[in-house]
């Protein structure tokens, strides 16, 4: 592993991951998930997200190849999950049926919302451009940001109010739907 610390590189990696993870844009989704299951375990979701990203950084391509999948296959599957989450947000219907609140912090929060296919695919592509230590620091910084947002979710919900959450939920549902379509289109060549 290369231990070359480059602050500019760390800043770039952090900003790219922040944009891809888009925890701020996911606030309406997370609030909706919290309303369904009752509690979001910020620590558990953050640690699982961190573990998924770090494991995928080092072993993602090998794991996919081992089971006969390409990065494109993985991205398409993730786009479908994101597509259905977006439909829930836009139409106000419930497709996600898991009733156990403990698992909601892992699926769909840690994966695919935080450490989703976009994030994991981005990590694979950035691995060729940036030092591993920069990628690890960028991941850690983003997980800390995610943790803070999840811990302060009640405050954010109060600031936005019920009407604000409903509006943001629809708007970000459409954006999430567009992201799902883009990931699907990009990885199928359509």
N, C-alpha and C. Protein backbone atom coordinates (compact mmCIF):
# COMPACT_ATOMS: atom_id res chain seq x y z
N UNK A 1 0.85 -1.17 0.00
CA UNK A 1 0.00 0.00 0.00
C UNK A 1 0.90 1.24 0.00
N UNK A 2 0.50 2.23 -0.77
CA UNK A 2 1.26 3.47 -0.89
C UNK A 2 0.79 4.45 0.18
N UNK A 3 1.73 4.96 0.99
CA UNK A 3 1.38 5.87 2.08
C UNK A 3 1.72 7.32 1.76
N UNK A 4 1.68 7.69 0.49
CA UNK A 4 1.97 9.05 0.08
C UNK A 4 0.75 9.92 0.36
N UNK A 5 0.90 10.90 1.26
CA UNK A 5 -0.21 11.79 1.63
C UNK A 5 -0.17 13.03 0.74
N UNK A 6 -1.20 13.22 -0.04
CA UNK A 6 -1.32 14.38 -0.94
C UNK A 6 -2.66 15.03 -0.62
N UNK A 7 -2.62 16.20 0.04
CA UNK A 7 -3.85 16.85 0.51
C UNK A 7 -4.78 17.21 -0.65
N UNK A 8 -4.21 17.65 -1.77
CA UNK A 8 -5.05 17.99 -2.92
C UNK A 8 -5.77 16.75 -3.44
N UNK A 9 -5.05 15.65 -3.50
CA UNK A 9 -5.64 14.39 -3.96
C UNK A 9 -6.73 13.92 -3.00
N UNK A 10 -6.47 14.04 -1.71
CA UNK A 10 -7.46 13.66 -0.69
C UNK A 10 -8.71 14.52 -0.84
N UNK A 11 -8.52 15.82 -1.05
CA UNK A 11 -9.66 16.73 -1.23
C UNK A 11 -10.46 16.35 -2.46
N UNK A 12 -9.78 16.02 -3.55
CA UNK A 12 -10.47 15.64 -4.79
C UNK A 12 -11.27 14.36 -4.58
N UNK A 13 -10.63 13.35 -4.01
CA UNK A 13 -11.30 12.07 -3.76
C UNK A 13 -12.51 12.28 -2.85
N UNK A 14 -12.33 13.07 -1.80
CA UNK A 14 -13.41 13.34 -0.84
C UNK A 14 -14.59 14.01 -1.53
N UNK A 15 -14.32 15.00 -2.36
CA UNK A 15 -15.40 15.72 -3.05
C UNK A 15 -16.12 14.83 -4.06
N UNK A 16 -15.36 14.02 -4.79
CA UNK A 16 -15.99 13.11 -5.75
C UNK A 16 -16.90 12.12 -5.02
N UNK A 17 -16.39 11.51 -3.96
CA UNK A 17 -17.20 10.56 -3.19
C UNK A 17 -18.41 11.24 -2.55
N UNK A 18 -18.23 12.46 -2.06
CA UNK A 18 -19.34 13.20 -1.46
C UNK A 18 -20.45 13.41 -2.49
N UNK A 19 -20.06 13.76 -3.71
CA UNK A 19 -21.05 13.98 -4.77
C UNK A 19 -21.76 12.68 -5.15
N UNK A 20 -21.01 11.59 -5.19
CA UNK A 20 -21.61 10.31 -5.59
C UNK A 20 -22.48 9.74 -4.48
N UNK A 21 -21.99 9.79 -3.25
CA UNK A 21 -22.78 9.28 -2.11
C UNK A 21 -24.03 10.13 -1.92
N UNK A 22 -23.89 11.45 -2.04
CA UNK A 22 -25.00 12.40 -1.97
C UNK A 22 -25.90 12.19 -0.76
N UNK A 23 -25.29 12.17 0.41
CA UNK A 23 -26.06 11.96 1.64
C UNK A 23 -27.04 13.11 1.88
N UNK A 24 -26.67 14.32 1.49
CA UNK A 24 -27.57 15.45 1.67
C UNK A 24 -28.81 15.27 0.79
N UNK A 25 -28.60 14.86 -0.45
CA UNK A 25 -29.73 14.61 -1.35
C UNK A 25 -30.58 13.42 -0.93
N UNK A 26 -29.98 12.53 -0.14
CA UNK A 26 -30.70 11.34 0.31
C UNK A 26 -31.49 11.56 1.60
N UNK A 27 -31.40 12.76 2.17
CA UNK A 27 -32.10 13.04 3.43
C UNK A 27 -33.59 12.70 3.35
N UNK A 28 -34.31 13.09 2.28
CA UNK A 28 -35.73 12.71 2.23
C UNK A 28 -35.95 11.19 2.21
N UNK A 29 -35.07 10.47 1.53
CA UNK A 29 -35.18 9.00 1.48
C UNK A 29 -34.96 8.43 2.88
N UNK A 30 -33.93 8.94 3.56
CA UNK A 30 -33.59 8.44 4.88
C UNK A 30 -34.70 8.77 5.88
N UNK A 31 -35.26 9.96 5.79
CA UNK A 31 -36.38 10.33 6.67
C UNK A 31 -37.57 9.41 6.40
N UNK A 32 -37.86 9.14 5.14
CA UNK A 32 -38.95 8.22 4.80
C UNK A 32 -38.70 6.82 5.34
N UNK A 33 -37.46 6.37 5.25
CA UNK A 33 -37.10 5.06 5.78
C UNK A 33 -37.26 5.04 7.30
N UNK A 34 -36.85 6.13 7.94
CA UNK A 34 -36.98 6.23 9.40
C UNK A 34 -38.45 6.19 9.81
N UNK A 35 -39.31 6.85 9.03
CA UNK A 35 -40.74 6.85 9.35
C UNK A 35 -41.34 5.45 9.21
N UNK A 36 -40.79 4.65 8.28
CA UNK A 36 -41.29 3.28 8.08
C UNK A 36 -40.85 2.34 9.19
N UNK A 37 -39.57 2.43 9.57
CA UNK A 37 -39.01 1.43 10.48
C UNK A 37 -38.86 1.92 11.91
N UNK A 38 -38.99 3.22 12.14
CA UNK A 38 -38.94 3.74 13.49
C UNK A 38 -37.60 4.26 13.94
N UNK A 39 -36.52 3.61 13.58
CA UNK A 39 -35.21 4.05 14.05
C UNK A 39 -34.15 3.74 13.01
N UNK A 40 -33.24 4.68 12.85
CA UNK A 40 -32.07 4.48 12.00
C UNK A 40 -30.87 4.40 12.93
N UNK A 41 -30.12 3.33 12.83
CA UNK A 41 -28.93 3.16 13.65
C UNK A 41 -27.75 3.77 12.91
N UNK A 42 -27.43 5.03 13.26
CA UNK A 42 -26.39 5.80 12.55
C UNK A 42 -25.03 5.10 12.59
N UNK A 43 -24.67 4.61 13.75
CA UNK A 43 -23.37 3.94 13.89
C UNK A 43 -23.28 2.68 13.05
N UNK A 44 -24.32 1.87 13.11
CA UNK A 44 -24.33 0.61 12.36
C UNK A 44 -24.31 0.89 10.86
N UNK A 45 -25.15 1.81 10.40
CA UNK A 45 -25.19 2.13 8.97
C UNK A 45 -23.85 2.68 8.49
N UNK A 46 -23.22 3.53 9.30
CA UNK A 46 -21.94 4.13 8.93
C UNK A 46 -20.84 3.07 8.87
N UNK A 47 -20.77 2.21 9.89
CA UNK A 47 -19.73 1.18 9.92
C UNK A 47 -19.90 0.16 8.80
N UNK A 48 -21.14 -0.24 8.53
CA UNK A 48 -21.38 -1.18 7.43
C UNK A 48 -21.00 -0.54 6.10
N UNK A 49 -21.36 0.73 5.92
CA UNK A 49 -20.99 1.45 4.70
C UNK A 49 -19.48 1.52 4.54
N UNK A 50 -18.79 1.84 5.63
CA UNK A 50 -17.33 1.90 5.62
C UNK A 50 -16.74 0.55 5.23
N UNK A 51 -17.24 -0.51 5.86
CA UNK A 51 -16.73 -1.85 5.57
C UNK A 51 -16.96 -2.22 4.10
N UNK A 52 -18.16 -1.95 3.59
CA UNK A 52 -18.47 -2.27 2.20
C UNK A 52 -17.51 -1.54 1.26
N UNK A 53 -17.32 -0.23 1.50
CA UNK A 53 -16.46 0.56 0.61
C UNK A 53 -15.01 0.10 0.67
N UNK A 54 -14.49 -0.18 1.87
CA UNK A 54 -13.10 -0.59 2.00
C UNK A 54 -12.88 -1.96 1.37
N UNK A 55 -13.78 -2.89 1.66
CA UNK A 55 -13.65 -4.23 1.05
C UNK A 55 -13.73 -4.14 -0.46
N UNK A 56 -14.67 -3.35 -0.96
CA UNK A 56 -14.83 -3.23 -2.40
C UNK A 56 -13.64 -2.52 -3.03
N UNK A 57 -13.03 -1.58 -2.33
CA UNK A 57 -11.85 -0.88 -2.84
C UNK A 57 -10.73 -1.88 -3.12
N UNK A 58 -10.53 -2.81 -2.20
CA UNK A 58 -9.43 -3.76 -2.34
C UNK A 58 -9.80 -5.03 -3.11
N UNK A 59 -11.03 -5.49 -2.97
CA UNK A 59 -11.36 -6.80 -3.53
C UNK A 59 -12.55 -6.79 -4.48
N UNK A 60 -13.13 -5.64 -4.75
CA UNK A 60 -14.36 -5.57 -5.53
C UNK A 60 -14.28 -6.21 -6.90
N UNK A 61 -13.28 -5.82 -7.66
CA UNK A 61 -13.16 -6.36 -9.02
C UNK A 61 -12.93 -7.86 -8.98
N UNK A 62 -12.10 -8.33 -8.06
CA UNK A 62 -11.82 -9.76 -7.93
C UNK A 62 -13.06 -10.54 -7.52
N UNK A 63 -13.83 -9.98 -6.59
CA UNK A 63 -15.06 -10.65 -6.13
C UNK A 63 -16.04 -10.78 -7.29
N UNK A 64 -16.23 -9.69 -8.03
CA UNK A 64 -17.15 -9.73 -9.18
C UNK A 64 -16.68 -10.73 -10.22
N UNK A 65 -15.39 -10.73 -10.53
CA UNK A 65 -14.85 -11.66 -11.52
C UNK A 65 -14.99 -13.10 -11.05
N UNK A 66 -14.78 -13.34 -9.75
CA UNK A 66 -14.88 -14.68 -9.17
C UNK A 66 -16.27 -15.28 -9.39
N UNK A 67 -17.29 -14.45 -9.27
CA UNK A 67 -18.65 -14.96 -9.46
C UNK A 67 -19.18 -14.73 -10.87
N UNK A 68 -18.27 -14.32 -11.75
CA UNK A 68 -18.62 -14.18 -13.17
C UNK A 68 -19.39 -12.93 -13.53
N UNK A 69 -19.23 -11.88 -12.73
CA UNK A 69 -19.94 -10.63 -13.01
C UNK A 69 -18.95 -9.55 -13.43
N UNK A 70 -19.45 -8.62 -14.20
CA UNK A 70 -18.66 -7.45 -14.55
C UNK A 70 -19.12 -6.28 -13.70
N UNK A 71 -18.34 -5.22 -13.72
CA UNK A 71 -18.74 -4.00 -13.03
C UNK A 71 -20.06 -3.49 -13.60
N UNK A 72 -20.25 -3.65 -14.91
CA UNK A 72 -21.50 -3.23 -15.55
C UNK A 72 -22.70 -4.01 -15.01
N UNK A 73 -22.54 -5.33 -14.85
CA UNK A 73 -23.63 -6.15 -14.30
C UNK A 73 -24.02 -5.65 -12.91
N UNK A 74 -23.01 -5.38 -12.10
CA UNK A 74 -23.21 -4.90 -10.74
C UNK A 74 -23.93 -3.55 -10.74
N UNK A 75 -23.49 -2.67 -11.62
CA UNK A 75 -24.09 -1.34 -11.71
C UNK A 75 -25.55 -1.41 -12.15
N UNK A 76 -25.86 -2.29 -13.10
CA UNK A 76 -27.24 -2.44 -13.58
C UNK A 76 -28.13 -2.95 -12.46
N UNK A 77 -27.67 -3.95 -11.71
CA UNK A 77 -28.47 -4.47 -10.60
C UNK A 77 -28.73 -3.38 -9.56
N UNK A 78 -27.70 -2.61 -9.25
CA UNK A 78 -27.87 -1.51 -8.30
C UNK A 78 -28.82 -0.44 -8.81
N UNK A 79 -28.78 -0.19 -10.12
CA UNK A 79 -29.68 0.81 -10.69
C UNK A 79 -31.14 0.40 -10.54
N UNK A 80 -31.39 -0.90 -10.62
CA UNK A 80 -32.77 -1.38 -10.44
C UNK A 80 -33.25 -1.17 -9.00
N UNK A 81 -32.38 -1.42 -8.03
CA UNK A 81 -32.74 -1.19 -6.63
C UNK A 81 -33.04 0.30 -6.41
N UNK A 82 -32.16 1.16 -6.94
CA UNK A 82 -32.36 2.61 -6.81
C UNK A 82 -33.65 3.03 -7.51
N UNK A 83 -33.95 2.43 -8.66
CA UNK A 83 -35.17 2.72 -9.42
C UNK A 83 -36.41 2.46 -8.55
N UNK A 84 -36.44 1.34 -7.85
CA UNK A 84 -37.61 1.01 -7.04
C UNK A 84 -37.72 1.90 -5.80
N UNK A 85 -36.59 2.28 -5.22
CA UNK A 85 -36.61 3.23 -4.11
C UNK A 85 -37.19 4.57 -4.58
N UNK A 86 -36.77 5.00 -5.78
CA UNK A 86 -37.27 6.25 -6.35
C UNK A 86 -38.78 6.18 -6.60
N UNK A 87 -39.26 5.05 -7.10
CA UNK A 87 -40.70 4.89 -7.32
C UNK A 87 -41.47 5.02 -6.01
N UNK A 88 -40.93 4.43 -4.94
CA UNK A 88 -41.57 4.57 -3.64
C UNK A 88 -41.70 6.04 -3.25
N UNK A 89 -40.64 6.79 -3.49
CA UNK A 89 -40.62 8.21 -3.10
C UNK A 89 -41.62 9.02 -3.93
N UNK A 90 -41.64 8.80 -5.22
CA UNK A 90 -42.47 9.60 -6.12
C UNK A 90 -43.94 9.25 -5.98
N UNK A 91 -44.25 7.97 -5.96
CA UNK A 91 -45.64 7.53 -5.97
C UNK A 91 -46.25 7.36 -4.58
N UNK A 92 -45.41 7.40 -3.56
CA UNK A 92 -45.93 7.23 -2.20
C UNK A 92 -46.41 5.82 -1.93
N UNK A 93 -45.83 4.85 -2.64
CA UNK A 93 -46.18 3.45 -2.42
C UNK A 93 -45.05 2.76 -1.68
N UNK A 94 -45.33 1.59 -1.17
CA UNK A 94 -44.32 0.86 -0.42
C UNK A 94 -44.00 -0.45 -1.12
N UNK A 95 -42.76 -0.55 -1.59
CA UNK A 95 -42.30 -1.79 -2.23
C UNK A 95 -41.37 -2.57 -1.31
N UNK A 96 -40.62 -1.85 -0.49
CA UNK A 96 -39.67 -2.46 0.43
C UNK A 96 -40.45 -3.00 1.62
N UNK A 97 -40.49 -4.31 1.80
CA UNK A 97 -41.39 -4.93 2.77
C UNK A 97 -40.72 -5.43 4.04
N UNK A 98 -39.40 -5.28 4.21
CA UNK A 98 -38.73 -5.80 5.39
C UNK A 98 -39.24 -5.07 6.62
N UNK A 99 -39.75 -5.81 7.58
CA UNK A 99 -40.34 -5.22 8.77
C UNK A 99 -39.36 -5.09 9.93
N UNK A 100 -38.17 -5.66 9.81
CA UNK A 100 -37.23 -5.65 10.92
C UNK A 100 -36.40 -4.38 10.85
N UNK A 101 -36.59 -3.49 11.84
CA UNK A 101 -35.93 -2.19 11.79
C UNK A 101 -34.41 -2.30 11.87
N UNK A 102 -33.90 -3.34 12.50
CA UNK A 102 -32.45 -3.49 12.62
C UNK A 102 -31.80 -3.66 11.25
N UNK A 103 -32.50 -4.28 10.31
CA UNK A 103 -31.90 -4.50 9.00
C UNK A 103 -32.02 -3.28 8.10
N UNK A 104 -32.91 -2.36 8.40
CA UNK A 104 -33.07 -1.18 7.56
C UNK A 104 -31.83 -0.30 7.58
N UNK A 105 -31.04 -0.36 8.64
CA UNK A 105 -29.80 0.40 8.70
C UNK A 105 -28.76 -0.18 7.75
N UNK A 106 -28.93 -1.44 7.38
CA UNK A 106 -28.00 -2.08 6.45
C UNK A 106 -28.57 -2.02 5.04
N UNK A 107 -29.76 -2.59 4.84
CA UNK A 107 -30.43 -2.57 3.53
C UNK A 107 -31.77 -1.89 3.73
N UNK A 108 -32.08 -0.84 3.05
CA UNK A 108 -31.40 -0.23 1.92
C UNK A 108 -30.51 0.96 2.26
N UNK A 109 -30.25 1.23 3.55
CA UNK A 109 -29.50 2.45 3.89
C UNK A 109 -28.02 2.33 3.58
N UNK A 110 -27.31 1.42 4.26
CA UNK A 110 -25.87 1.28 4.02
C UNK A 110 -25.62 0.87 2.57
N UNK A 111 -26.41 -0.08 2.09
CA UNK A 111 -26.36 -0.49 0.69
C UNK A 111 -27.79 -0.62 0.20
N UNK A 112 -28.19 0.05 -0.84
CA UNK A 112 -27.41 0.75 -1.85
C UNK A 112 -27.39 2.27 -1.72
N UNK A 113 -28.02 2.86 -0.68
CA UNK A 113 -28.07 4.32 -0.64
C UNK A 113 -26.71 4.96 -0.38
N UNK A 114 -25.98 4.51 0.63
CA UNK A 114 -24.70 5.14 0.96
C UNK A 114 -23.57 4.49 0.16
N UNK A 115 -23.37 3.23 0.37
CA UNK A 115 -22.32 2.50 -0.37
C UNK A 115 -22.98 1.74 -1.51
N UNK A 116 -23.53 2.49 -2.44
CA UNK A 116 -24.25 1.89 -3.56
C UNK A 116 -23.36 1.60 -4.75
N UNK A 117 -23.99 1.18 -5.81
CA UNK A 117 -23.22 0.79 -6.99
C UNK A 117 -22.46 1.97 -7.59
N UNK A 118 -23.05 3.16 -7.52
CA UNK A 118 -22.35 4.33 -8.03
C UNK A 118 -21.08 4.59 -7.24
N UNK A 119 -21.18 4.50 -5.91
CA UNK A 119 -20.02 4.70 -5.05
C UNK A 119 -18.97 3.63 -5.29
N UNK A 120 -19.40 2.39 -5.33
CA UNK A 120 -18.46 1.28 -5.49
C UNK A 120 -17.80 1.28 -6.86
N UNK A 121 -18.57 1.59 -7.89
CA UNK A 121 -18.01 1.68 -9.23
C UNK A 121 -17.03 2.84 -9.31
N UNK A 122 -17.36 3.96 -8.67
CA UNK A 122 -16.47 5.12 -8.64
C UNK A 122 -15.17 4.76 -7.94
N UNK A 123 -15.25 4.03 -6.84
CA UNK A 123 -14.04 3.61 -6.13
C UNK A 123 -13.15 2.76 -7.03
N UNK A 124 -13.75 1.84 -7.77
CA UNK A 124 -12.96 1.00 -8.68
C UNK A 124 -12.26 1.84 -9.74
N UNK A 125 -12.96 2.81 -10.29
CA UNK A 125 -12.35 3.63 -11.34
C UNK A 125 -11.30 4.58 -10.77
N UNK A 126 -11.52 5.11 -9.57
CA UNK A 126 -10.55 6.03 -8.96
C UNK A 126 -9.29 5.30 -8.49
N UNK A 127 -9.40 4.01 -8.26
CA UNK A 127 -8.25 3.24 -7.78
C UNK A 127 -7.09 3.31 -8.78
N UNK A 128 -7.43 3.45 -10.06
CA UNK A 128 -6.39 3.54 -11.09
C UNK A 128 -5.74 4.92 -11.13
N UNK A 129 -6.39 5.93 -10.57
CA UNK A 129 -5.90 7.30 -10.67
C UNK A 129 -5.26 7.83 -9.39
N UNK A 130 -5.69 7.37 -8.24
CA UNK A 130 -5.28 7.97 -6.98
C UNK A 130 -4.60 6.95 -6.07
N UNK A 131 -3.82 7.46 -5.13
CA UNK A 131 -3.15 6.61 -4.15
C UNK A 131 -4.19 5.97 -3.22
N UNK A 132 -3.90 4.77 -2.80
CA UNK A 132 -4.81 4.03 -1.92
C UNK A 132 -5.07 4.78 -0.62
N UNK A 133 -4.04 5.39 -0.06
CA UNK A 133 -4.22 6.11 1.21
C UNK A 133 -5.17 7.29 1.02
N UNK A 134 -5.10 7.97 -0.11
CA UNK A 134 -6.02 9.08 -0.39
C UNK A 134 -7.45 8.57 -0.48
N UNK A 135 -7.63 7.43 -1.12
CA UNK A 135 -8.97 6.84 -1.24
C UNK A 135 -9.51 6.45 0.14
N UNK A 136 -8.65 5.85 0.96
CA UNK A 136 -9.09 5.45 2.31
C UNK A 136 -9.47 6.66 3.15
N UNK A 137 -8.66 7.71 3.11
CA UNK A 137 -8.98 8.92 3.88
C UNK A 137 -10.26 9.56 3.36
N UNK A 138 -10.44 9.60 2.04
CA UNK A 138 -11.67 10.14 1.45
C UNK A 138 -12.90 9.36 1.88
N UNK A 139 -12.77 8.04 1.93
CA UNK A 139 -13.87 7.18 2.38
C UNK A 139 -14.20 7.50 3.84
N UNK A 140 -13.18 7.57 4.69
CA UNK A 140 -13.40 7.82 6.12
C UNK A 140 -14.06 9.19 6.34
N UNK A 141 -13.59 10.22 5.65
CA UNK A 141 -14.18 11.55 5.79
C UNK A 141 -15.66 11.51 5.41
N UNK A 142 -15.99 10.84 4.32
CA UNK A 142 -17.38 10.76 3.88
C UNK A 142 -18.24 9.95 4.84
N UNK A 143 -17.70 8.90 5.41
CA UNK A 143 -18.47 8.11 6.38
C UNK A 143 -18.74 8.94 7.64
N UNK A 144 -17.78 9.77 8.05
CA UNK A 144 -18.01 10.66 9.20
C UNK A 144 -19.14 11.64 8.88
N UNK A 145 -19.14 12.20 7.67
CA UNK A 145 -20.22 13.12 7.25
C UNK A 145 -21.56 12.39 7.27
N UNK A 146 -21.60 11.18 6.74
CA UNK A 146 -22.82 10.38 6.74
C UNK A 146 -23.30 10.15 8.18
N UNK A 147 -22.38 9.79 9.06
CA UNK A 147 -22.73 9.55 10.47
C UNK A 147 -23.36 10.79 11.10
N UNK A 148 -22.76 11.96 10.87
CA UNK A 148 -23.29 13.20 11.45
C UNK A 148 -24.69 13.48 10.91
N UNK A 149 -24.89 13.31 9.60
CA UNK A 149 -26.22 13.54 9.01
C UNK A 149 -27.23 12.57 9.62
N UNK A 150 -26.87 11.30 9.75
CA UNK A 150 -27.79 10.31 10.31
C UNK A 150 -28.09 10.60 11.78
N UNK A 151 -27.08 11.04 12.53
CA UNK A 151 -27.29 11.36 13.95
C UNK A 151 -28.18 12.58 14.13
N UNK A 152 -28.09 13.54 13.21
CA UNK A 152 -28.85 14.79 13.30
C UNK A 152 -30.13 14.75 12.45
N UNK A 153 -30.58 13.57 12.10
CA UNK A 153 -31.74 13.42 11.23
C UNK A 153 -33.00 14.04 11.85
N UNK A 154 -33.18 13.88 13.16
CA UNK A 154 -34.35 14.47 13.82
C UNK A 154 -34.35 15.99 13.70
N UNK A 155 -33.18 16.59 13.89
CA UNK A 155 -33.04 18.04 13.76
C UNK A 155 -33.33 18.48 12.32
N UNK A 156 -32.78 17.76 11.37
CA UNK A 156 -33.02 18.09 9.96
C UNK A 156 -34.50 17.96 9.61
N UNK A 157 -35.14 16.94 10.18
CA UNK A 157 -36.57 16.72 9.94
C UNK A 157 -37.39 17.88 10.52
N UNK A 158 -37.02 18.36 11.70
CA UNK A 158 -37.72 19.49 12.31
C UNK A 158 -37.53 20.76 11.49
N UNK A 159 -36.31 20.99 11.01
CA UNK A 159 -36.02 22.19 10.21
C UNK A 159 -36.84 22.17 8.92
N UNK A 160 -36.90 21.01 8.27
CA UNK A 160 -37.61 20.91 6.99
C UNK A 160 -39.13 20.91 7.18
N UNK A 161 -39.61 20.33 8.26
CA UNK A 161 -41.05 20.21 8.48
C UNK A 161 -41.65 19.14 7.58
N UNK A 162 -42.90 18.77 7.87
CA UNK A 162 -43.55 17.70 7.10
C UNK A 162 -43.72 18.08 5.64
N UNK A 163 -44.12 19.32 5.39
CA UNK A 163 -44.30 19.78 4.01
C UNK A 163 -42.99 19.81 3.24
N UNK A 164 -41.94 20.29 3.90
CA UNK A 164 -40.62 20.35 3.27
C UNK A 164 -40.09 18.97 2.93
N UNK A 165 -40.30 18.03 3.85
CA UNK A 165 -39.86 16.66 3.61
C UNK A 165 -40.63 16.06 2.44
N UNK A 166 -41.94 16.30 2.38
CA UNK A 166 -42.76 15.75 1.29
C UNK A 166 -42.32 16.30 -0.06
N UNK A 167 -42.06 17.61 -0.12
CA UNK A 167 -41.61 18.22 -1.37
C UNK A 167 -40.25 17.67 -1.77
N UNK A 168 -39.30 17.67 -0.81
CA UNK A 168 -37.97 17.14 -1.11
C UNK A 168 -38.02 15.68 -1.52
N UNK A 169 -38.90 14.93 -0.88
CA UNK A 169 -39.02 13.50 -1.20
C UNK A 169 -39.41 13.31 -2.66
N UNK A 170 -40.37 14.07 -3.15
CA UNK A 170 -40.79 13.96 -4.56
C UNK A 170 -39.68 14.42 -5.50
N UNK A 171 -39.09 15.58 -5.19
CA UNK A 171 -38.04 16.13 -6.05
C UNK A 171 -36.85 15.18 -6.12
N UNK A 172 -36.37 14.74 -4.96
CA UNK A 172 -35.23 13.84 -4.96
C UNK A 172 -35.59 12.45 -5.46
N UNK A 173 -36.85 12.07 -5.36
CA UNK A 173 -37.29 10.81 -5.97
C UNK A 173 -37.11 10.85 -7.47
N UNK A 174 -37.48 11.96 -8.08
CA UNK A 174 -37.30 12.11 -9.53
C UNK A 174 -35.82 12.13 -9.89
N UNK A 175 -35.01 12.83 -9.07
CA UNK A 175 -33.56 12.86 -9.31
C UNK A 175 -32.98 11.45 -9.16
N UNK A 176 -33.39 10.74 -8.13
CA UNK A 176 -32.91 9.37 -7.91
C UNK A 176 -33.33 8.47 -9.06
N UNK A 177 -34.55 8.65 -9.55
CA UNK A 177 -35.02 7.88 -10.70
C UNK A 177 -34.15 8.16 -11.92
N UNK A 178 -33.82 9.43 -12.14
CA UNK A 178 -32.97 9.80 -13.27
C UNK A 178 -31.57 9.20 -13.12
N UNK A 179 -31.05 9.18 -11.89
CA UNK A 179 -29.74 8.57 -11.65
C UNK A 179 -29.78 7.08 -11.96
N UNK A 180 -30.86 6.42 -11.54
CA UNK A 180 -31.02 4.99 -11.82
C UNK A 180 -31.05 4.73 -13.33
N UNK A 181 -31.79 5.56 -14.05
CA UNK A 181 -31.88 5.41 -15.50
C UNK A 181 -30.50 5.64 -16.13
N UNK A 182 -29.79 6.66 -15.65
CA UNK A 182 -28.47 6.95 -16.20
C UNK A 182 -27.50 5.79 -15.97
N UNK A 183 -27.48 5.25 -14.74
CA UNK A 183 -26.61 4.12 -14.44
C UNK A 183 -26.96 2.94 -15.34
N UNK A 184 -28.26 2.69 -15.50
CA UNK A 184 -28.71 1.58 -16.35
C UNK A 184 -28.28 1.80 -17.81
N UNK A 185 -28.57 3.00 -18.31
CA UNK A 185 -28.25 3.33 -19.71
C UNK A 185 -26.75 3.26 -19.96
N UNK A 186 -25.97 3.83 -19.07
CA UNK A 186 -24.51 3.86 -19.23
C UNK A 186 -23.93 2.46 -19.26
N UNK A 187 -24.48 1.56 -18.47
CA UNK A 187 -23.92 0.23 -18.36
C UNK A 187 -24.54 -0.80 -19.31
N UNK A 188 -25.57 -0.41 -20.04
CA UNK A 188 -26.15 -1.32 -21.03
C UNK A 188 -25.84 -0.86 -22.44
N UNK A 189 -25.36 0.36 -22.57
CA UNK A 189 -25.07 0.90 -23.90
C UNK A 189 -26.29 1.37 -24.65
N UNK A 190 -27.41 1.51 -23.95
CA UNK A 190 -28.65 1.96 -24.59
C UNK A 190 -28.60 3.45 -24.80
